Amino acid sequence: MNEKKADYPYLVASSVVEEFRRKGFVITNDVFTPSILDHYANAVDAEVALRTLGDDRGIGEKTTYEQSFVQCMRLWETNEVVRALSCDACLAGIGAQLLGADGLHLWQDQALYKESGGRETDPHQDQTFWPIGDADLVSAWIPFDAVTFENGAMAYVPGSHKAGGLKPVDITHSTEPYDILADPALKGVAPEWVSVNPGNVVWHHGFTVHQASANTSPKLRRVFTVVFVAAGSRRTKPWPAFPLDRAKVPVGGLIKGDGLPLVWPVPNQQPSAPEVVGVAVGPQFQLDIESKARGPTS
């Protein structure tokens, strides 16, 4: 990599980088101070509340997928405070160090709020949902609350990222989800449960098999994720993908453009929101040509 060590706002120890590359996940401690994290958490809370306004359904009235979490994607595009979090130089710099990448684009962010009584999130890989082949991809999992097995902790299958892309898991439950933990490529390795405190960040590779426990606690579990993809990565398939279609990225084209800003090295100014945004709640599978831009909320 070309950057000097001093260029990183948060320098990751070589042992942490090695652990990430060996296991496919790792925790970085004390990434955010309590005051900064509260600032961002309040902004995400406000955006989630705005996007879910009027939805007063109980957990039992929701679809199986919705019972896993309240999902609001690409909050950076509609909230300026959240934009500062998703494009944060500290986060992007950590991601670059873990991947060994000279540059990173923002792929997406999302709030994943698991309600009290929310079901488990099925074991799956993230990267097989998207037509990006074996691009280097890393997710930052940022808890706003202390997370334990009782309220929705994550578990990761150590070393599973080395198996590459396996059969996709339909976590929406529109079809029967594939039992990825039984895939021969994983060789029966058990998931490792990870408890994490606010201020720390859990990172996982795009091919790391992971899941989350149910929330049996009386409180909401609030988590925000940011996903980065290495600069120079390309689209490999024509099937619909919201961010790629919006940016008009063809098969074989570089993953960049409107809504896919370069966030490492640190740009001269914070990226601008794209003109077209996706649905307010739930997964954004494909581009809706009638989408209208929502103005910033703060």
C-alpha atoms as a PDB file:
ATOM      1  CA  MET A   1       0.000   0.000   0.000  1.00  0.00           C
ATOM      2  CA  ASN A   2       1.148   3.528  -0.721  1.00  0.00           C
ATOM      3  CA  GLU A   3      -0.145   5.349   2.360  1.00  0.00           C
ATOM      4  CA  LYS A   4       2.244   6.090   5.188  1.00  0.00           C
ATOM      5  CA  LYS A   5       1.318   4.885   8.661  1.00  0.00           C
ATOM      6  CA  ALA A   6       0.726   8.472   9.783  1.00  0.00           C
ATOM      7  CA  ASP A   7      -2.016   8.831   7.181  1.00  0.00           C
ATOM      8  CA  TYR A   8      -4.312   6.463   9.086  1.00  0.00           C
ATOM      9  CA  PRO A   9      -6.480   8.121  11.764  1.00  0.00           C
ATOM     10  CA  TYR A  10      -6.612   4.698  13.457  1.00  0.00           C
ATOM     11  CA  LEU A  11      -3.575   2.473  13.002  1.00  0.00           C
ATOM     12  CA  VAL A  12      -4.450  -1.232  13.115  1.00  0.00           C
ATOM     13  CA  ALA A  13      -1.885  -3.520  14.727  1.00  0.00           C
ATOM     14  CA  SER A  14      -0.360  -6.117  12.422  1.00  0.00           C
ATOM     15  CA  SER A  15      -1.681  -8.864  14.716  1.00  0.00           C
ATOM     16  CA  VAL A  16      -5.231  -7.587  14.209  1.00  0.00           C
ATOM     17  CA  VAL A  17      -4.796  -7.524  10.432  1.00  0.00           C
ATOM     18  CA  GLU A  18      -3.421 -11.068  10.555  1.00  0.00           C
ATOM     19  CA  GLU A  19      -6.361 -12.235  12.662  1.00  0.00           C
ATOM     20  CA  PHE A  20      -8.829 -10.717  10.202  1.00  0.00           C
ATOM     21  CA  ARG A  21      -7.176 -12.395   7.236  1.00  0.00           C
ATOM     22  CA  ARG A  22      -7.009 -15.734   9.057  1.00  0.00           C
ATOM     23  CA  LYS A  23     -10.498 -15.798  10.589  1.00  0.00           C
ATOM     24  CA  GLY A  24     -12.446 -13.457   8.307  1.00  0.00           C
ATOM     25  CA  PHE A  25     -13.583 -11.257  11.194  1.00  0.00           C
ATOM     26  CA  VAL A  26     -12.024  -9.167  13.952  1.00  0.00           C
ATOM     27  CA  ILE A  27     -12.867  -6.513  16.559  1.00  0.00           C
ATOM     28  CA  THR A  28     -11.185  -3.101  16.611  1.00  0.00           C
ATOM     29  CA  ASN A  29     -11.475  -1.495  20.037  1.00  0.00           C
ATOM     30  CA  ASP A  30     -12.206   2.116  20.986  1.00  0.00           C
ATOM     31  CA  VAL A  31     -12.921   3.350  17.483  1.00  0.00           C
ATOM     32  CA  PHE A  32     -15.526   5.856  18.712  1.00  0.00           C
ATOM     33  CA  THR A  33     -15.719   7.848  21.942  1.00  0.00           C
ATOM     34  CA  PRO A  34     -19.055   7.709  23.821  1.00  0.00           C
ATOM     35  CA  SER A  35     -19.961  11.286  22.873  1.00  0.00           C
ATOM     36  CA  ILE A  36     -19.232  10.820  19.173  1.00  0.00           C
ATOM     37  CA  LEU A  37     -21.066   7.505  19.075  1.00  0.00           C
ATOM     38  CA  ASP A  38     -24.107   9.047  20.782  1.00  0.00           C
ATOM     39  CA  HIS A  39     -24.066  11.848  18.205  1.00  0.00           C
ATOM     40  CA  TYR A  40     -24.198   9.366  15.361  1.00  0.00           C
ATOM     41  CA  ALA A  41     -26.646   7.032  17.101  1.00  0.00           C
ATOM     42  CA  ASN A  42     -29.117   9.894  17.593  1.00  0.00           C
ATOM     43  CA  ALA A  43     -28.921  10.730  13.885  1.00  0.00           C
ATOM     44  CA  VAL A  44     -29.476   7.108  12.845  1.00  0.00           C
ATOM     45  CA  ASP A  45     -32.338   6.783  15.335  1.00  0.00           C
ATOM     46  CA  ALA A  46     -33.989   9.870  13.870  1.00  0.00           C
ATOM     47  CA  GLU A  47     -33.627   8.642  10.290  1.00  0.00           C
ATOM     48  CA  VAL A  48     -34.977   5.188  11.142  1.00  0.00           C
ATOM     49  CA  ALA A  49     -37.926   6.779  12.961  1.00  0.00           C
ATOM     50  CA  LEU A  50     -38.660   8.977   9.936  1.00  0.00           C
ATOM     51  CA  ARG A  51     -38.479   6.079   7.499  1.00  0.00           C
ATOM     52  CA  THR A  52     -40.685   3.804   9.601  1.00  0.00           C
ATOM     53  CA  LEU A  53     -43.218   6.473  10.547  1.00  0.00           C
ATOM     54  CA  GLY A  54     -46.726   5.042  10.521  1.00  0.00           C
ATOM     55  CA  ASP A  55     -45.661   1.388  10.763  1.00  0.00           C
ATOM     56  CA  ASP A  56     -47.236   0.341  14.054  1.00  0.00           C
ATOM     57  CA  ARG A  57     -47.266  -3.405  13.385  1.00  0.00           C
ATOM     58  CA  GLY A  58     -46.259  -5.738  16.171  1.00  0.00           C
ATOM     59  CA  ILE A  59     -43.393  -8.154  15.613  1.00  0.00           C
ATOM     60  CA  GLY A  60     -45.845 -11.023  15.072  1.00  0.00           C
ATOM     61  CA  GLU A  61     -47.584  -9.133  12.252  1.00  0.00           C
ATOM     62  CA  LYS A  62     -44.427  -8.769  10.179  1.00  0.00           C
ATOM     63  CA  THR A  63     -42.962 -11.057   7.540  1.00  0.00           C
ATOM     64  CA  THR A  64     -40.352 -13.614   8.574  1.00  0.00           C
ATOM     65  CA  TYR A  65     -37.627 -11.413   7.108  1.00  0.00           C
ATOM     66  CA  GLU A  66     -38.906  -8.292   8.858  1.00  0.00           C
ATOM     67  CA  GLN A  67     -38.929 -10.176  12.155  1.00  0.00           C
ATOM     68  CA  SER A  68     -35.138 -10.487  11.909  1.00  0.00           C
ATOM     69  CA  PHE A  69     -34.582  -6.728  11.924  1.00  0.00           C
ATOM     70  CA  VAL A  70     -35.850  -3.320  10.883  1.00  0.00           C
ATOM     71  CA  GLN A  71     -33.700  -2.586   7.835  1.00  0.00           C
ATOM     72  CA  CYS A  72     -33.094   0.919   6.488  1.00  0.00           C
ATOM     73  CA  MET A  73     -30.447   1.176   3.777  1.00  0.00           C
ATOM     74  CA  ARG A  74     -28.188   3.960   2.520  1.00  0.00           C
ATOM     75  CA  LEU A  75     -28.989   6.425   5.263  1.00  0.00           C
ATOM     76  CA  TRP A  76     -25.940   8.451   4.229  1.00  0.00           C
ATOM     77  CA  GLU A  77     -27.863   9.547   1.160  1.00  0.00           C
ATOM     78  CA  THR A  78     -30.677  11.227   3.104  1.00  0.00           C
ATOM     79  CA  ASN A  79     -29.057  12.356   6.368  1.00  0.00           C
ATOM     80  CA  GLU A  80     -25.976  14.570   6.509  1.00  0.00           C
ATOM     81  CA  VAL A  81     -24.911  13.492  10.000  1.00  0.00           C
ATOM     82  CA  VAL A  82     -25.091   9.821   9.051  1.00  0.00           C
ATOM     83  CA  ARG A  83     -23.122  10.695   5.909  1.00  0.00           C
ATOM     84  CA  ALA A  84     -20.236  11.791   8.107  1.00  0.00           C
ATOM     85  CA  LEU A  85     -20.304   8.389   9.822  1.00  0.00           C
ATOM     86  CA  SER A  86     -20.520   6.294   6.663  1.00  0.00           C
ATOM     87  CA  CYS A  87     -17.747   8.281   4.996  1.00  0.00           C
ATOM     88  CA  ASP A  88     -15.662   8.524   8.177  1.00  0.00           C
ATOM     89  CA  ALA A  89     -11.926   8.514   7.424  1.00  0.00           C
ATOM     90  CA  CYS A  90     -11.190   6.426  10.507  1.00  0.00           C
ATOM     91  CA  LEU A  91     -13.552   3.649   9.390  1.00  0.00           C
ATOM     92  CA  ALA A  92     -12.400   3.762   5.784  1.00  0.00           C
ATOM     93  CA  GLY A  93      -8.764   3.700   6.850  1.00  0.00           C
ATOM     94  CA  ILE A  94      -9.322   0.645   9.042  1.00  0.00           C
ATOM     95  CA  GLY A  95     -11.089  -1.115   6.191  1.00  0.00           C
ATOM     96  CA  ALA A  96      -8.212  -0.329   3.832  1.00  0.00           C
ATOM     97  CA  GLN A  97      -5.675  -1.750   6.280  1.00  0.00           C
ATOM     98  CA  LEU A  98      -7.648  -4.948   6.851  1.00  0.00           C
ATOM     99  CA  LEU A  99      -8.049  -5.576   3.117  1.00  0.00           C
ATOM    100  CA  GLY A 100      -4.606  -4.314   2.169  1.00  0.00           C
ATOM    101  CA  ALA A 101      -6.288  -1.996  -0.341  1.00  0.00           C
ATOM    102  CA  ASP A 102      -4.975   1.315  -1.675  1.00  0.00           C
ATOM    103  CA  GLY A 103      -8.499   2.646  -2.190  1.00  0.00           C
ATOM    104  CA  LEU A 104     -12.054   1.960  -1.058  1.00  0.00           C
ATOM    105  CA  HIS A 105     -15.487   2.888  -2.357  1.00  0.00           C
ATOM    106  CA  LEU A 106     -18.540   3.054  -0.140  1.00  0.00           C
ATOM    107  CA  TRP A 107     -20.817   0.184  -1.172  1.00  0.00           C
ATOM    108  CA  GLN A 108     -23.688   0.740   1.254  1.00  0.00           C
ATOM    109  CA  ASP A 109     -24.689   1.463   4.805  1.00  0.00           C
ATOM    110  CA  GLN A 110     -27.728   0.273   6.711  1.00  0.00           C
ATOM    111  CA  ALA A 111     -29.395   0.360  10.097  1.00  0.00           C
ATOM    112  CA  LEU A 112     -30.231  -3.126  11.363  1.00  0.00           C
ATOM    113  CA  TYR A 113     -32.411  -2.667  14.433  1.00  0.00           C
ATOM    114  CA  LYS A 114     -33.481  -5.968  15.975  1.00  0.00           C
ATOM    115  CA  GLU A 115     -36.674  -5.497  17.961  1.00  0.00           C
ATOM    116  CA  SER A 116     -37.442  -7.208  21.252  1.00  0.00           C
ATOM    117  CA  GLY A 117     -38.794 -10.598  20.264  1.00  0.00           C
ATOM    118  CA  GLY A 118     -37.045 -10.439  16.905  1.00  0.00           C
ATOM    119  CA  ARG A 119     -36.027 -13.784  15.412  1.00  0.00           C
ATOM    120  CA  GLU A 120     -32.510 -14.927  14.574  1.00  0.00           C
ATOM    121  CA  THR A 121     -30.842 -13.830  11.353  1.00  0.00           C
ATOM    122  CA  ASP A 122     -30.109 -16.881   9.196  1.00  0.00           C
ATOM    123  CA  PRO A 123     -26.476 -17.835   8.509  1.00  0.00           C
ATOM    124  CA  HIS A 124     -25.358 -16.389   5.187  1.00  0.00           C
ATOM    125  CA  GLN A 125     -22.631 -14.646   3.193  1.00  0.00           C
ATOM    126  CA  ASP A 126     -23.174 -11.035   2.143  1.00  0.00           C
ATOM    127  CA  GLN A 127     -21.183 -10.992  -1.064  1.00  0.00           C
ATOM    128  CA  THR A 128     -23.112 -13.692  -2.910  1.00  0.00           C
ATOM    129  CA  PHE A 129     -26.129 -11.344  -3.012  1.00  0.00           C
ATOM    130  CA  TRP A 130     -24.308  -9.024  -5.391  1.00  0.00           C
ATOM    131  CA  PRO A 131     -22.836  -9.408  -8.935  1.00  0.00           C
ATOM    132  CA  ILE A 132     -19.320  -8.429  -7.933  1.00  0.00           C
ATOM    133  CA  GLY A 133     -17.479 -11.760  -8.052  1.00  0.00           C
ATOM    134  CA  ASP A 134     -14.600 -12.058  -5.613  1.00  0.00           C
ATOM    135  CA  ALA A 135     -14.069  -8.323  -5.127  1.00  0.00           C
ATOM    136  CA  ASP A 136     -12.440  -7.420  -1.807  1.00  0.00           C
ATOM    137  CA  LEU A 137     -15.315  -6.375   0.440  1.00  0.00           C
ATOM    138  CA  VAL A 138     -15.418  -5.618   4.163  1.00  0.00           C
ATOM    139  CA  SER A 139     -18.244  -4.683   6.531  1.00  0.00           C
ATOM    140  CA  ALA A 140     -18.010  -2.572   9.674  1.00  0.00           C
ATOM    141  CA  TRP A 141     -20.620  -3.670  12.257  1.00  0.00           C
ATOM    142  CA  ILE A 142     -21.112  -0.744  14.653  1.00  0.00           C
ATOM    143  CA  PRO A 143     -23.195  -1.379  17.812  1.00  0.00           C
ATOM    144  CA  PHE A 144     -24.955   1.522  19.503  1.00  0.00           C
ATOM    145  CA  ASP A 145     -25.810  -0.750  22.442  1.00  0.00           C
ATOM    146  CA  ALA A 146     -23.898  -3.474  24.255  1.00  0.00           C
ATOM    147  CA  VAL A 147     -24.571  -6.630  22.240  1.00  0.00           C
ATOM    148  CA  THR A 148     -24.743 -10.123  23.756  1.00  0.00           C
ATOM    149  CA  PHE A 149     -26.220 -13.449  22.725  1.00  0.00           C
ATOM    150  CA  GLU A 150     -29.446 -12.496  24.522  1.00  0.00           C
ATOM    151  CA  ASN A 151     -30.154  -9.424  22.378  1.00  0.00           C
ATOM    152  CA  GLY A 152     -28.814 -10.320  18.931  1.00  0.00           C
ATOM    153  CA  ALA A 153     -25.078 -10.919  18.895  1.00  0.00           C
ATOM    154  CA  MET A 154     -23.317 -11.956  15.716  1.00  0.00           C
ATOM    155  CA  ALA A 155     -21.543 -15.260  15.151  1.00  0.00           C
ATOM    156  CA  TYR A 156     -18.962 -15.898  12.451  1.00  0.00           C
ATOM    157  CA  VAL A 157     -17.589 -19.133  11.010  1.00  0.00           C
ATOM    158  CA  PRO A 158     -13.803 -18.747  11.360  1.00  0.00           C
ATOM    159  CA  GLY A 159     -11.970 -19.074   8.066  1.00  0.00           C
ATOM    160  CA  SER A 160     -15.169 -19.389   6.016  1.00  0.00           C
ATOM    161  CA  HIS A 161     -14.164 -16.469   3.793  1.00  0.00           C
ATOM    162  CA  LYS A 162     -11.426 -18.645   2.332  1.00  0.00           C
ATOM    163  CA  ALA A 163     -14.087 -20.910   0.797  1.00  0.00           C
ATOM    164  CA  GLY A 164     -15.138 -18.101  -1.551  1.00  0.00           C
ATOM    165  CA  GLY A 165     -18.726 -17.691  -2.692  1.00  0.00           C
ATOM    166  CA  LEU A 166     -21.042 -20.533  -1.681  1.00  0.00           C
ATOM    167  CA  LYS A 167     -24.700 -21.059  -2.570  1.00  0.00           C
ATOM    168  CA  PRO A 168     -26.667 -17.883  -1.731  1.00  0.00           C
ATOM    169  CA  VAL A 169     -28.996 -18.006   1.266  1.00  0.00           C
ATOM    170  CA  ASP A 170     -32.472 -16.512   0.831  1.00  0.00           C
ATOM    171  CA  ILE A 171     -32.676 -14.678   4.160  1.00  0.00           C
ATOM    172  CA  THR A 172     -35.915 -13.029   2.977  1.00  0.00           C
ATOM    173  CA  HIS A 173     -37.579 -16.471   3.242  1.00  0.00           C
ATOM    174  CA  SER A 174     -39.358 -16.075  -0.096  1.00  0.00           C
ATOM    175  CA  THR A 175     -37.904 -19.549  -0.655  1.00  0.00           C
ATOM    176  CA  GLU A 176     -36.502 -22.087   1.817  1.00  0.00           C
ATOM    177  CA  PRO A 177     -33.078 -20.761   2.930  1.00  0.00           C
ATOM    178  CA  TYR A 178     -30.056 -22.879   2.075  1.00  0.00           C
ATOM    179  CA  ASP A 179     -28.430 -24.487   5.127  1.00  0.00           C
ATOM    180  CA  ILE A 180     -25.028 -22.961   4.517  1.00  0.00           C
ATOM    181  CA  LEU A 181     -23.579 -24.268   7.788  1.00  0.00           C
ATOM    182  CA  ALA A 182     -23.911 -27.772   6.341  1.00  0.00           C
ATOM    183  CA  ASP A 183     -21.968 -26.847   3.192  1.00  0.00           C
ATOM    184  CA  PRO A 184     -19.002 -29.251   2.821  1.00  0.00           C
ATOM    185  CA  ALA A 185     -16.678 -26.309   2.155  1.00  0.00           C
ATOM    186  CA  LEU A 186     -17.051 -25.213   5.780  1.00  0.00           C
ATOM    187  CA  LYS A 187     -15.881 -28.613   7.048  1.00  0.00           C
ATOM    188  CA  GLY A 188     -18.223 -28.503  10.033  1.00  0.00           C
ATOM    189  CA  VAL A 189     -16.505 -25.524  11.674  1.00  0.00           C
ATOM    190  CA  ALA A 190     -18.855 -24.040  14.291  1.00  0.00           C
ATOM    191  CA  PRO A 191     -19.784 -20.339  14.355  1.00  0.00           C
ATOM    192  CA  GLU A 192     -18.024 -18.243  16.990  1.00  0.00           C
ATOM    193  CA  TRP A 193     -20.298 -15.904  18.961  1.00  0.00           C
ATOM    194  CA  VAL A 194     -19.031 -12.379  19.548  1.00  0.00           C
ATOM    195  CA  SER A 195     -20.204  -9.988  22.263  1.00  0.00           C
ATOM    196  CA  VAL A 196     -19.248  -6.367  21.683  1.00  0.00           C
ATOM    197  CA  ASN A 197     -19.528  -3.050  23.515  1.00  0.00           C
ATOM    198  CA  PRO A 198     -20.397   0.354  22.047  1.00  0.00           C
ATOM    199  CA  GLY A 199     -17.332   2.162  20.722  1.00  0.00           C
ATOM    200  CA  ASN A 200     -15.850  -1.048  19.351  1.00  0.00           C
ATOM    201  CA  VAL A 201     -16.429  -2.210  15.767  1.00  0.00           C
ATOM    202  CA  VAL A 202     -16.654  -5.759  14.416  1.00  0.00           C
ATOM    203  CA  TRP A 203     -15.353  -6.264  10.881  1.00  0.00           C
ATOM    204  CA  HIS A 204     -16.089  -9.179   8.583  1.00  0.00           C
ATOM    205  CA  HIS A 205     -15.060 -10.119   5.071  1.00  0.00           C
ATOM    206  CA  GLY A 206     -17.690 -10.242   2.335  1.00  0.00           C
ATOM    207  CA  PHE A 207     -17.457 -14.050   2.152  1.00  0.00           C
ATOM    208  CA  THR A 208     -17.433 -14.721   5.909  1.00  0.00           C
ATOM    209  CA  VAL A 209     -20.451 -16.813   6.903  1.00  0.00           C
ATOM    210  CA  HIS A 210     -22.263 -15.086   9.751  1.00  0.00           C
ATOM    211  CA  GLN A 211     -25.570 -15.029  11.605  1.00  0.00           C
ATOM    212  CA  ALA A 212     -27.225 -13.243  14.525  1.00  0.00           C
ATOM    213  CA  SER A 213     -29.107 -14.551  17.536  1.00  0.00           C
ATOM    214  CA  ALA A 214     -32.688 -13.675  18.383  1.00  0.00           C
ATOM    215  CA  ASN A 215     -33.404 -10.716  20.636  1.00  0.00           C
ATOM    216  CA  THR A 216     -34.874 -12.208  23.803  1.00  0.00           C
ATOM    217  CA  SER A 217     -34.220  -9.033  25.785  1.00  0.00           C
ATOM    218  CA  PRO A 218     -36.893  -6.385  26.453  1.00  0.00           C
ATOM    219  CA  LYS A 219     -34.981  -3.694  24.545  1.00  0.00           C
ATOM    220  CA  LEU A 220     -34.237  -2.808  20.934  1.00  0.00           C
ATOM    221  CA  ARG A 221     -30.778  -3.835  19.665  1.00  0.00           C
ATOM    222  CA  ARG A 222     -29.393  -0.988  17.546  1.00  0.00           C
ATOM    223  CA  VAL A 223     -26.613  -1.664  15.041  1.00  0.00           C
ATOM    224  CA  PHE A 224     -25.367   0.297  12.049  1.00  0.00           C
ATOM    225  CA  THR A 225     -23.226  -1.217   9.312  1.00  0.00           C
ATOM    226  CA  VAL A 226     -20.993   0.301   6.654  1.00  0.00           C
ATOM    227  CA  VAL A 227     -19.690  -1.773   3.738  1.00  0.00           C
ATOM    228  CA  PHE A 228     -16.619  -0.886   1.681  1.00  0.00           C
ATOM    229  CA  VAL A 229     -15.401  -2.390  -1.605  1.00  0.00           C
ATOM    230  CA  ALA A 230     -11.839  -2.148  -2.902  1.00  0.00           C
ATOM    231  CA  ALA A 231     -11.195   0.384  -5.638  1.00  0.00           C
ATOM    232  CA  GLY A 232     -10.597  -1.282  -8.985  1.00  0.00           C
ATOM    233  CA  SER A 233     -13.280  -3.932  -8.440  1.00  0.00           C
ATOM    234  CA  ARG A 234     -15.634  -4.672 -11.329  1.00  0.00           C
ATOM    235  CA  ARG A 235     -19.194  -5.815 -11.950  1.00  0.00           C
ATOM    236  CA  THR A 236     -19.189  -9.467 -13.046  1.00  0.00           C
ATOM    237  CA  LYS A 237     -22.863 -10.279 -13.752  1.00  0.00           C
ATOM    238  CA  PRO A 238     -25.834  -8.538 -15.413  1.00  0.00           C
ATOM    239  CA  TRP A 239     -28.469  -9.413 -12.825  1.00  0.00           C
ATOM    240  CA  PRO A 240     -30.116  -6.476 -11.035  1.00  0.00           C
ATOM    241  CA  ALA A 241     -28.148  -4.674  -8.331  1.00  0.00           C
ATOM    242  CA  PHE A 242     -29.460  -1.336  -7.120  1.00  0.00           C
ATOM    243  CA  PRO A 243     -26.163   0.539  -6.599  1.00  0.00           C
ATOM    244  CA  LEU A 244     -24.616  -0.703  -9.838  1.00  0.00           C
ATOM    245  CA  ASP A 245     -27.700  -0.066 -11.938  1.00  0.00           C
ATOM    246  CA  ARG A 246     -28.133   3.413 -10.505  1.00  0.00           C
ATOM    247  CA  ALA A 247     -24.517   4.258 -11.341  1.00  0.00           C
ATOM    248  CA  LYS A 248     -24.950   2.662 -14.800  1.00  0.00           C
ATOM    249  CA  VAL A 249     -22.055   0.265 -14.218  1.00  0.00           C
ATOM    250  CA  PRO A 250     -21.971  -2.296 -17.079  1.00  0.00           C
ATOM    251  CA  VAL A 251     -20.756  -5.863 -16.798  1.00  0.00           C
ATOM    252  CA  GLY A 252     -16.981  -5.600 -16.691  1.00  0.00           C
ATOM    253  CA  GLY A 253     -17.165  -1.967 -15.620  1.00  0.00           C
ATOM    254  CA  LEU A 254     -15.471  -0.499 -12.564  1.00  0.00           C
ATOM    255  CA  ILE A 255     -17.552  -0.224  -9.409  1.00  0.00           C
ATOM    256  CA  LYS A 256     -17.703   3.551  -9.098  1.00  0.00           C
ATOM    257  CA  GLY A 257     -19.980   6.432  -9.940  1.00  0.00           C
ATOM    258  CA  ASP A 258     -23.042   8.110  -8.462  1.00  0.00           C
ATOM    259  CA  GLY A 259     -23.765   6.638  -5.032  1.00  0.00           C
ATOM    260  CA  LEU A 260     -20.464   4.704  -4.942  1.00  0.00           C
ATOM    261  CA  PRO A 261     -18.056   7.407  -3.764  1.00  0.00           C
ATOM    262  CA  LEU A 262     -14.354   6.910  -3.152  1.00  0.00           C
ATOM    263  CA  VAL A 263     -13.835   7.266   0.620  1.00  0.00           C
ATOM    264  CA  TRP A 264     -10.201   6.118   0.877  1.00  0.00           C
ATOM    265  CA  PRO A 265      -7.807   7.828   0.363  1.00  0.00           C
ATOM    266  CA  VAL A 266      -9.723  10.600   2.094  1.00  0.00           C
ATOM    267  CA  PRO A 267     -11.355  12.830  -0.536  1.00  0.00           C
ATOM    268  CA  ASN A 268     -10.930  16.605  -0.470  1.00  0.00           C
ATOM    269  CA  GLN A 269     -14.572  17.026   0.441  1.00  0.00           C
ATOM    270  CA  GLN A 270     -17.352  14.821   1.761  1.00  0.00           C
ATOM    271  CA  PRO A 271     -19.157  12.938  -1.012  1.00  0.00           C
ATOM    272  CA  SER A 272     -22.450  14.334  -2.235  1.00  0.00           C
ATOM    273  CA  ALA A 273     -25.714  12.427  -2.059  1.00  0.00           C
ATOM    274  CA  PRO A 274     -26.914  10.886  -5.344  1.00  0.00           C
ATOM    275  CA  GLU A 275     -29.975  12.325  -7.045  1.00  0.00           C
ATOM    276  CA  VAL A 276     -31.904   9.037  -7.029  1.00  0.00           C
ATOM    277  CA  VAL A 277     -32.393   7.097  -3.794  1.00  0.00           C
ATOM    278  CA  GLY A 278     -33.972   3.756  -3.039  1.00  0.00           C
ATOM    279  CA  VAL A 279     -36.917   2.628  -0.959  1.00  0.00           C
ATOM    280  CA  ALA A 280     -37.003   3.887   2.622  1.00  0.00           C
ATOM    281  CA  VAL A 281     -37.268   0.503   4.354  1.00  0.00           C
ATOM    282  CA  GLY A 282     -36.160  -3.024   3.514  1.00  0.00           C
ATOM    283  CA  PRO A 283     -33.739  -4.386   0.924  1.00  0.00           C
ATOM    284  CA  GLN A 284     -33.035  -2.419  -2.232  1.00  0.00           C
ATOM    285  CA  PHE A 285     -32.859  -5.111  -4.868  1.00  0.00           C
ATOM    286  CA  GLN A 286     -33.204  -3.188  -8.087  1.00  0.00           C
ATOM    287  CA  LEU A 287     -33.458   0.306  -9.443  1.00  0.00           C
ATOM    288  CA  ASP A 288     -36.911   1.856  -9.450  1.00  0.00           C
ATOM    289  CA  ILE A 289     -36.949   4.278 -12.383  1.00  0.00           C
ATOM    290  CA  GLU A 290     -39.689   6.263 -10.636  1.00  0.00           C
ATOM    291  CA  SER A 291     -37.608   6.804  -7.480  1.00  0.00           C
ATOM    292  CA  LYS A 292     -37.558  10.376  -6.303  1.00  0.00           C
ATOM    293  CA  ALA A 293     -34.772  11.956  -4.315  1.00  0.00           C
ATOM    294  CA  ARG A 294     -35.535  12.648  -0.660  1.00  0.00           C
ATOM    295  CA  GLY A 295     -33.949  15.799   0.678  1.00  0.00           C
ATOM    296  CA  PRO A 296     -31.525  15.664   3.607  1.00  0.00           C
ATOM    297  CA  THR A 297     -33.271  15.469   6.968  1.00  0.00           C
ATOM    298  CA  SER A 298     -30.629  17.206   9.020  1.00  0.00           C
END
